[in-house]
């Protein structure tokens, strides 16, 4: 094997190795693991990705009969042959992920989408307000070039439901659902950022608000959440579930705090509501972290069935229970979306398949919010968002 072919093969092995580690991290974060255990998984990931290239180039490349010295794969020790082949096999899921990203299309049921983009930091004209947007705890990542952590996208999406047909002679009706998710109050962005987001949410004037989990990472900042959710409940009824970051804290206190602001807790529960003349079954699941999937009645006279699920991993449950619409968070859009490649990390058993956006699964629509915040203050090509879903019934 000539030098350039050897270099190419080893570089491909490095990509495949990184893909396997990304798969491991994504799957591990979809499970009910304690944060301390996940920390070790991430450390193994970091070590595996950083050490593999120099070790591969040395032991597979520059040693006697190595790939960079005219040798072939079959001349490598058996253990290295197996390791090389395993790393190269990682190219398959990587290529599939990239192709899926490049071929992505919105479902036909997404009739229209419009967005407003705000650079919340630049909008502020007073330095004290800019500082209040940045936050008092500004990690190094927040200063990364191109970071969108202080931006906001307000999106309106107009949806029809694949499993619902209008009765003959009856006009289509519309309900307006404003979704926010993953606020992750941790100190960056700052309080003024969330006040700005609250202003935009109030302006949407929805029929209901829904929150799909991961409220807070620092319980000292609960007053921020209290103010935000109290304001929203004064505009429209709010329905909420918790997420895995809430589970790691005192989730009983967090749940009570949300209820005290006027929001209805849907964790492992369901309720029937009316929006105008539209009857809605609303349910919530915080599985696998808190409780289990709720027991819901079989489809009846309701016009639409909506499930709040922190993670899209409850997709199959939602389909089995004949929900029309599943609203999720958790995946943050991937947080970092690379050119051509797309997102690489999403804490889901499905990897980055449902990183963020609108999807169809069988006769059900899934909307995954990119969320407002993040534990790690880094977003590249993945702007934080709130969404108004106008759903035709």
Protein backbone atom coordinates (compact mmCIF):
# COMPACT_ATOMS: atom_id res chain seq x y z
CA UNK A 1 0.00 0.00 0.00
CA UNK A 2 1.42 3.37 -1.00
CA UNK A 3 1.78 6.27 1.42
CA UNK A 4 -1.27 8.25 0.30
CA UNK A 5 -3.56 5.23 0.36
CA UNK A 6 -2.32 4.44 3.87
CA UNK A 7 -2.98 7.99 5.05
CA UNK A 8 -6.46 7.94 3.52
CA UNK A 9 -7.32 4.62 5.14
CA UNK A 10 -6.15 5.74 8.57
CA UNK A 11 -8.02 9.04 8.30
CA UNK A 12 -11.20 7.16 7.42
CA UNK A 13 -10.60 4.92 10.43
CA UNK A 14 -10.32 8.03 12.64
CA UNK A 15 -13.69 9.27 11.35
CA UNK A 16 -15.29 5.88 11.91
CA UNK A 17 -13.84 5.68 15.42
CA UNK A 18 -15.29 9.10 16.26
CA UNK A 19 -18.66 8.00 14.89
CA UNK A 20 -18.74 4.97 17.22
CA UNK A 21 -17.93 7.15 20.23
CA UNK A 22 -20.67 9.63 19.25
CA UNK A 23 -23.16 6.75 19.01
CA UNK A 24 -22.13 5.54 22.48
CA UNK A 25 -22.54 8.98 24.04
CA UNK A 26 -25.90 9.58 22.32
CA UNK A 27 -27.32 6.25 23.46
CA UNK A 28 -25.96 6.55 27.00
CA UNK A 29 -27.62 9.95 27.47
CA UNK A 30 -30.98 8.53 26.41
CA UNK A 31 -31.01 6.17 29.41
CA UNK A 32 -31.75 6.65 33.10
CA UNK A 33 -28.14 7.04 34.15
CA UNK A 34 -26.92 9.24 36.96
CA UNK A 35 -24.96 12.31 35.89
CA UNK A 36 -21.80 10.98 37.56
CA UNK A 37 -21.90 7.85 35.39
CA UNK A 38 -22.52 9.89 32.26
CA UNK A 39 -19.51 12.01 33.14
CA UNK A 40 -17.32 8.94 32.89
CA UNK A 41 -18.87 8.02 29.55
CA UNK A 42 -18.02 11.47 28.21
CA UNK A 43 -14.46 11.21 29.53
CA UNK A 44 -14.03 7.86 27.81
CA UNK A 45 -15.41 9.45 24.66
CA UNK A 46 -12.90 12.30 24.85
CA UNK A 47 -9.98 9.96 25.45
CA UNK A 48 -11.08 7.58 22.71
CA UNK A 49 -11.37 10.29 20.10
CA UNK A 50 -8.18 12.14 21.06
CA UNK A 51 -5.87 9.14 21.46
CA UNK A 52 -7.03 7.02 18.53
CA UNK A 53 -5.44 9.10 15.70
CA UNK A 54 -1.85 9.26 17.08
CA UNK A 55 -1.95 5.63 18.21
CA UNK A 56 -3.42 4.45 14.91
CA UNK A 57 -0.88 6.35 12.81
CA UNK A 58 1.96 5.02 14.94
CA UNK A 59 1.03 1.37 15.49
CA UNK A 60 -0.81 0.83 12.19
CA UNK A 61 1.22 3.24 10.10
CA UNK A 62 4.85 3.75 11.05
CA UNK A 63 5.82 0.45 12.63
CA UNK A 64 7.51 -2.19 10.53
CA UNK A 65 5.17 -3.35 7.71
CA UNK A 66 2.85 -0.50 8.67
CA UNK A 67 0.39 1.04 6.21
CA UNK A 68 2.58 4.14 5.78
CA UNK A 69 5.68 2.07 5.06
CA UNK A 70 4.39 -0.02 2.19
CA UNK A 71 2.69 -2.71 4.26
CA UNK A 72 -0.86 -4.01 3.86
CA UNK A 73 -3.72 -4.54 6.27
CA UNK A 74 -3.11 -8.30 6.36
CA UNK A 75 0.46 -7.72 7.53
CA UNK A 76 -0.71 -5.93 10.67
CA UNK A 77 -1.04 -7.92 13.90
CA UNK A 78 -4.46 -9.58 14.13
CA UNK A 79 -5.65 -7.35 17.00
CA UNK A 80 -4.83 -4.23 14.98
CA UNK A 81 -6.59 -5.66 11.93
CA UNK A 82 -9.75 -6.17 13.99
CA UNK A 83 -9.49 -2.68 15.53
CA UNK A 84 -8.96 -1.10 12.10
CA UNK A 85 -11.93 -2.94 10.56
CA UNK A 86 -14.16 -2.03 13.51
CA UNK A 87 -13.21 1.65 13.18
CA UNK A 88 -13.85 1.59 9.43
CA UNK A 89 -17.28 0.04 10.02
CA UNK A 90 -18.16 3.23 11.90
CA UNK A 91 -18.19 4.97 8.53
CA UNK A 92 -21.49 3.28 7.67
CA UNK A 93 -23.67 4.91 10.37
CA UNK A 94 -21.76 8.16 9.83
CA UNK A 95 -22.49 8.19 6.09
CA UNK A 96 -26.12 7.24 6.70
CA UNK A 97 -26.49 10.13 9.12
CA UNK A 98 -24.97 12.63 6.69
CA UNK A 99 -27.12 11.39 3.80
CA UNK A 100 -30.26 11.57 5.94
CA UNK A 101 -29.35 15.13 6.91
CA UNK A 102 -28.77 16.13 3.29
CA UNK A 103 -32.00 14.48 2.12
CA UNK A 104 -34.16 15.83 4.96
CA UNK A 105 -37.52 17.24 3.96
CA UNK A 106 -40.32 18.69 6.01
CA UNK A 107 -43.43 16.51 6.08
CA UNK A 108 -46.27 17.49 3.78
CA UNK A 109 -48.35 18.22 6.88
CA UNK A 110 -46.09 21.18 7.68
CA UNK A 111 -48.11 23.57 5.55
CA UNK A 112 -46.06 26.69 6.19
CA UNK A 113 -43.35 28.02 8.49
CA UNK A 114 -42.22 31.56 9.18
CA UNK A 115 -39.48 32.76 11.52
CA UNK A 116 -38.24 35.90 13.20
CA UNK A 117 -34.62 36.05 14.32
CA UNK A 118 -33.39 38.23 17.17
CA UNK A 119 -29.86 38.93 18.31
CA UNK A 120 -30.93 39.64 21.87
CA UNK A 121 -27.49 40.94 22.85
CA UNK A 122 -27.28 43.48 20.02
CA UNK A 123 -30.83 44.71 20.58
CA UNK A 124 -29.86 46.03 24.01
CA UNK A 125 -28.60 49.63 23.92
CA UNK A 126 -27.52 49.94 27.54
CA UNK A 127 -24.44 48.10 28.79
CA UNK A 128 -26.20 46.98 31.98
CA UNK A 129 -28.92 45.34 29.85
CA UNK A 130 -26.31 43.65 27.66
CA UNK A 131 -24.64 42.29 30.75
CA UNK A 132 -28.01 41.04 31.99
CA UNK A 133 -28.41 39.16 28.69
CA UNK A 134 -24.91 37.65 28.89
CA UNK A 135 -25.43 36.54 32.47
CA UNK A 136 -23.25 36.70 35.54
CA UNK A 137 -21.64 33.31 34.91
CA UNK A 138 -20.08 33.43 31.48
CA UNK A 139 -18.16 30.25 30.65
CA UNK A 140 -15.38 30.21 28.08
CA UNK A 141 -17.63 28.40 25.57
CA UNK A 142 -20.01 31.37 25.51
CA UNK A 143 -17.24 33.41 23.85
CA UNK A 144 -16.71 30.90 21.03
CA UNK A 145 -16.84 32.64 17.61
CA UNK A 146 -20.23 32.31 15.95
CA UNK A 147 -21.92 31.12 19.15
CA UNK A 148 -25.69 31.71 18.94
CA UNK A 149 -26.42 31.19 22.62
CA UNK A 150 -27.77 34.76 22.94
CA UNK A 151 -29.90 34.62 19.81
CA UNK A 152 -33.57 33.68 19.58
CA UNK A 153 -35.73 32.34 16.76
CA UNK A 154 -39.50 32.73 17.07
CA UNK A 155 -41.15 30.34 14.63
CA UNK A 156 -44.75 29.89 13.53
CA UNK A 157 -45.58 26.51 12.06
CA UNK A 158 -48.89 25.68 10.43
CA UNK A 159 -49.71 21.98 10.68
CA UNK A 160 -52.39 19.59 9.53
CA UNK A 161 -52.72 16.20 11.15
CA UNK A 162 -52.19 13.13 8.96
CA UNK A 163 -54.62 10.94 10.88
CA UNK A 164 -57.47 13.46 11.07
CA UNK A 165 -59.96 14.26 8.32
CA UNK A 166 -62.49 17.06 8.64
CA UNK A 167 -66.12 15.93 8.89
CA UNK A 168 -68.07 16.45 5.69
CA UNK A 169 -69.52 19.93 5.55
CA UNK A 170 -67.58 21.10 8.61
CA UNK A 171 -65.01 23.86 8.40
CA UNK A 172 -61.47 23.23 9.51
CA UNK A 173 -60.68 24.58 12.97
CA UNK A 174 -57.34 25.72 14.33
CA UNK A 175 -55.78 25.60 17.76
CA UNK A 176 -52.66 27.57 18.67
CA UNK A 177 -50.10 25.86 20.88
CA UNK A 178 -46.96 27.72 21.96
CA UNK A 179 -44.10 25.38 22.86
CA UNK A 180 -41.05 26.24 24.92
CA UNK A 181 -38.53 23.73 26.18
CA UNK A 182 -35.17 23.20 27.85
CA UNK A 183 -34.71 26.56 29.53
CA UNK A 184 -31.84 25.07 31.58
CA UNK A 185 -31.53 28.09 33.88
CA UNK A 186 -27.83 27.95 34.70
CA UNK A 187 -26.77 31.61 34.60
CA UNK A 188 -25.84 31.95 30.91
CA UNK A 189 -27.76 33.36 29.12
CA UNK A 190 -28.75 35.86 31.73
CA UNK A 191 -32.11 36.82 33.14
CA UNK A 192 -32.76 39.56 30.59
CA UNK A 193 -32.51 37.01 27.78
CA UNK A 194 -35.33 34.98 29.25
CA UNK A 195 -37.38 38.12 29.89
CA UNK A 196 -37.01 38.93 26.20
CA UNK A 197 -38.09 35.40 25.25
CA UNK A 198 -41.09 35.71 27.60
CA UNK A 199 -42.12 38.95 25.89
CA UNK A 200 -42.06 37.22 22.50
CA UNK A 201 -44.04 34.25 23.83
CA UNK A 202 -46.71 36.53 25.27
CA UNK A 203 -47.01 38.32 21.92
CA UNK A 204 -47.88 35.00 20.25
CA UNK A 205 -51.21 34.94 22.12
CA UNK A 206 -51.65 31.16 21.97
CA UNK A 207 -54.59 29.15 23.20
CA UNK A 208 -52.25 27.19 25.48
CA UNK A 209 -48.58 27.05 26.41
CA UNK A 210 -46.73 23.76 26.77
CA UNK A 211 -43.33 23.19 28.36
CA UNK A 212 -41.49 19.98 27.53
CA UNK A 213 -38.94 19.72 30.33
CA UNK A 214 -35.47 20.56 31.61
CA UNK A 215 -36.41 23.70 33.47
CA UNK A 216 -33.32 24.35 35.55
CA UNK A 217 -29.73 23.38 36.31
CA UNK A 218 -29.15 25.74 39.24
CA UNK A 219 -31.91 25.74 41.83
CA UNK A 220 -30.78 29.15 43.08
CA UNK A 221 -32.14 30.58 39.83
CA UNK A 222 -35.68 29.31 40.39
CA UNK A 223 -36.94 32.92 40.83
CA UNK A 224 -36.12 33.42 37.13
CA UNK A 225 -38.34 30.48 36.23
CA UNK A 226 -41.08 31.60 38.63
CA UNK A 227 -41.26 35.05 37.04
CA UNK A 228 -41.23 33.67 33.49
CA UNK A 229 -43.87 30.99 33.99
CA UNK A 230 -46.09 33.23 36.12
CA UNK A 231 -46.18 35.79 33.33
CA UNK A 232 -47.02 33.16 30.74
CA UNK A 233 -49.85 31.66 32.83
CA UNK A 234 -51.41 35.13 32.91
CA UNK A 235 -51.70 35.02 29.11
CA UNK A 236 -52.93 31.46 28.50
CA UNK A 237 -53.21 28.15 30.37
CA UNK A 238 -49.90 26.30 30.68
CA UNK A 239 -49.19 22.57 30.77
CA UNK A 240 -45.79 21.19 31.73
CA UNK A 241 -43.61 18.14 32.21
CA UNK A 242 -40.10 17.79 33.61
CA UNK A 243 -36.92 16.41 32.06
CA UNK A 244 -33.77 14.50 32.93
CA UNK A 245 -31.94 17.58 34.29
CA UNK A 246 -34.87 18.26 36.63
CA UNK A 247 -34.75 14.59 37.69
CA UNK A 248 -31.14 15.05 38.83
CA UNK A 249 -32.20 17.84 41.18
CA UNK A 250 -35.11 18.05 43.63
CA UNK A 251 -37.72 17.40 40.97
CA UNK A 252 -40.54 17.37 43.53
CA UNK A 253 -39.71 20.96 44.47
CA UNK A 254 -39.36 21.97 40.83
CA UNK A 255 -42.73 20.43 39.98
CA UNK A 256 -44.43 22.19 42.88
CA UNK A 257 -42.81 25.46 41.87
CA UNK A 258 -44.25 25.22 38.36
CA UNK A 259 -47.69 24.36 39.73
CA UNK A 260 -47.47 27.36 42.06
CA UNK A 261 -47.05 29.61 39.01
CA UNK A 262 -50.41 28.41 37.68
CA UNK A 263 -49.22 25.70 35.32
CA UNK A 264 -50.84 22.27 35.15
CA UNK A 265 -48.48 19.36 35.78
CA UNK A 266 -48.87 16.54 33.22
CA UNK A 267 -46.07 14.27 34.41
CA UNK A 268 -47.41 10.68 33.99
CA UNK A 269 -50.93 12.15 33.67
CA UNK A 270 -53.57 13.04 31.13
CA UNK A 271 -56.38 15.58 31.01
CA UNK A 272 -59.14 16.59 28.64
CA UNK A 273 -59.57 20.24 27.75
CA UNK A 274 -61.59 22.31 25.33
CA UNK A 275 -60.11 25.01 23.13
CA UNK A 276 -63.10 26.76 21.64
CA UNK A 277 -65.12 23.93 20.13
CA UNK A 278 -62.06 21.66 19.81
CA UNK A 279 -61.75 18.86 22.36
CA UNK A 280 -58.16 17.92 23.20
CA UNK A 281 -56.67 15.01 25.11
CA UNK A 282 -53.37 16.18 26.63
CA UNK A 283 -50.93 13.75 28.26
CA UNK A 284 -47.37 13.92 29.51
CA UNK A 285 -44.47 11.53 29.96
CA UNK A 286 -41.12 12.09 31.64
CA UNK A 287 -39.92 8.53 30.99
CA UNK A 288 -37.42 7.01 31.36
CA UNK A 289 -36.25 9.40 34.10
CA UNK A 290 -39.34 10.08 36.18
CA UNK A 291 -42.21 7.64 36.41
CA UNK A 292 -43.46 5.82 33.35
CA UNK A 293 -45.66 6.48 30.35
CA UNK A 294 -49.19 7.42 31.40
CA UNK A 295 -52.18 5.15 30.98
CA UNK A 296 -54.49 7.02 28.62
CA UNK A 297 -58.01 6.23 27.46
CA UNK A 298 -58.54 4.69 24.05
CA UNK A 299 -59.41 7.21 21.33
CA UNK A 300 -62.92 8.54 21.77
CA UNK A 301 -64.72 11.71 20.79
CA UNK A 302 -61.74 14.03 21.22
CA UNK A 303 -60.69 15.99 18.15
CA UNK A 304 -56.95 15.69 18.76
CA UNK A 305 -54.59 13.74 21.04
CA UNK A 306 -51.36 15.51 22.06
CA UNK A 307 -48.49 14.01 24.05
CA UNK A 308 -45.83 16.07 25.82
CA UNK A 309 -42.69 13.96 26.02
CA UNK A 310 -39.33 15.30 27.11
CA UNK A 311 -37.57 12.97 24.68
CA UNK A 312 -38.67 11.79 21.22
CA UNK A 313 -37.57 8.32 22.33
CA UNK A 314 -41.17 7.70 23.47
CA UNK A 315 -42.19 7.73 19.80
CA UNK A 316 -43.39 4.12 19.69
CA UNK A 317 -45.50 4.51 22.83
CA UNK A 318 -47.08 7.65 21.36
CA UNK A 319 -47.87 5.85 18.11
CA UNK A 320 -49.34 2.84 19.92
CA UNK A 321 -51.64 5.13 21.93
CA UNK A 322 -52.73 6.84 18.71
CA UNK A 323 -51.55 10.34 19.56
CA UNK A 324 -51.81 12.76 16.68
CA UNK A 325 -49.02 15.06 17.80
CA UNK A 326 -46.01 14.50 20.07
CA UNK A 327 -44.18 17.58 21.36
CA UNK A 328 -40.63 17.05 22.62
CA UNK A 329 -37.37 18.75 23.58
CA UNK A 330 -34.20 17.23 25.03
CA UNK A 331 -32.13 17.06 21.81
CA UNK A 332 -31.47 20.82 21.45
CA UNK A 333 -31.24 20.51 17.68
CA UNK A 334 -27.85 18.92 18.25
CA UNK A 335 -26.52 22.28 19.56
CA UNK A 336 -23.63 22.14 17.08
CA UNK A 337 -24.65 21.64 13.44
CA UNK A 338 -21.65 21.16 11.16
CA UNK A 339 -21.65 22.19 7.48
CA UNK A 340 -22.61 19.26 5.21
CA UNK A 341 -22.40 16.76 8.11
CA UNK A 342 -25.23 18.21 10.21
CA UNK A 343 -25.64 17.53 13.94
CA UNK A 344 -23.45 14.85 15.50
CA UNK A 345 -24.64 14.66 19.11
CA UNK A 346 -28.21 14.25 20.36
CA UNK A 347 -29.01 12.37 23.58
CA UNK A 348 -31.39 9.90 21.96
CA UNK A 349 -31.62 6.21 21.13
CA UNK A 350 -32.30 7.44 17.59
CA UNK A 351 -29.12 9.49 17.51
CA UNK A 352 -29.58 12.72 15.55
CA UNK A 353 -32.60 11.48 13.56
CA UNK A 354 -34.91 13.68 15.66
CA UNK A 355 -32.39 16.36 16.60
CA UNK A 356 -34.88 19.19 16.08
CA UNK A 357 -37.75 20.13 13.79
CA UNK A 358 -40.96 18.58 12.52
CA UNK A 359 -41.24 14.93 11.52
CA UNK A 360 -43.89 12.41 10.57
CA UNK A 361 -43.97 8.89 11.99
CA UNK A 362 -46.80 6.73 10.68
CA UNK A 363 -50.00 8.72 11.31
CA UNK A 364 -48.40 11.02 13.89
CA UNK A 365 -46.49 14.28 13.75
CA UNK A 366 -43.50 14.90 16.02
CA UNK A 367 -42.17 18.34 16.82
CA UNK A 368 -38.82 18.52 18.61
CA UNK A 369 -37.95 21.96 19.97
CA UNK A 370 -34.33 23.13 19.93
CA UNK A 371 -35.05 24.69 23.32
CA UNK A 372 -34.11 28.02 24.86
CA UNK A 373 -31.05 27.18 26.93
CA UNK A 374 -28.40 24.52 27.46
CA UNK A 375 -26.18 23.28 30.23
CA UNK A 376 -23.18 23.94 27.98
CA UNK A 377 -23.27 27.47 26.57
CA UNK A 378 -22.51 26.57 22.95
CA UNK A 379 -24.76 26.68 19.90
CA UNK A 380 -23.43 26.72 16.36
CA UNK A 381 -25.85 26.90 13.40
CA UNK A 382 -28.53 25.91 15.90
CA UNK A 383 -30.37 28.93 17.24
CA UNK A 384 -32.46 28.67 20.43
CA UNK A 385 -36.17 28.78 19.67
CA UNK A 386 -39.75 29.08 20.81
CA UNK A 387 -42.52 27.93 18.51
CA UNK A 388 -46.18 28.64 17.87
CA UNK A 389 -47.87 25.61 16.34
CA UNK A 390 -51.13 26.41 14.58
CA UNK A 391 -52.76 23.03 14.21
CA UNK A 392 -55.64 22.48 11.81
CA UNK A 393 -58.28 20.08 13.08
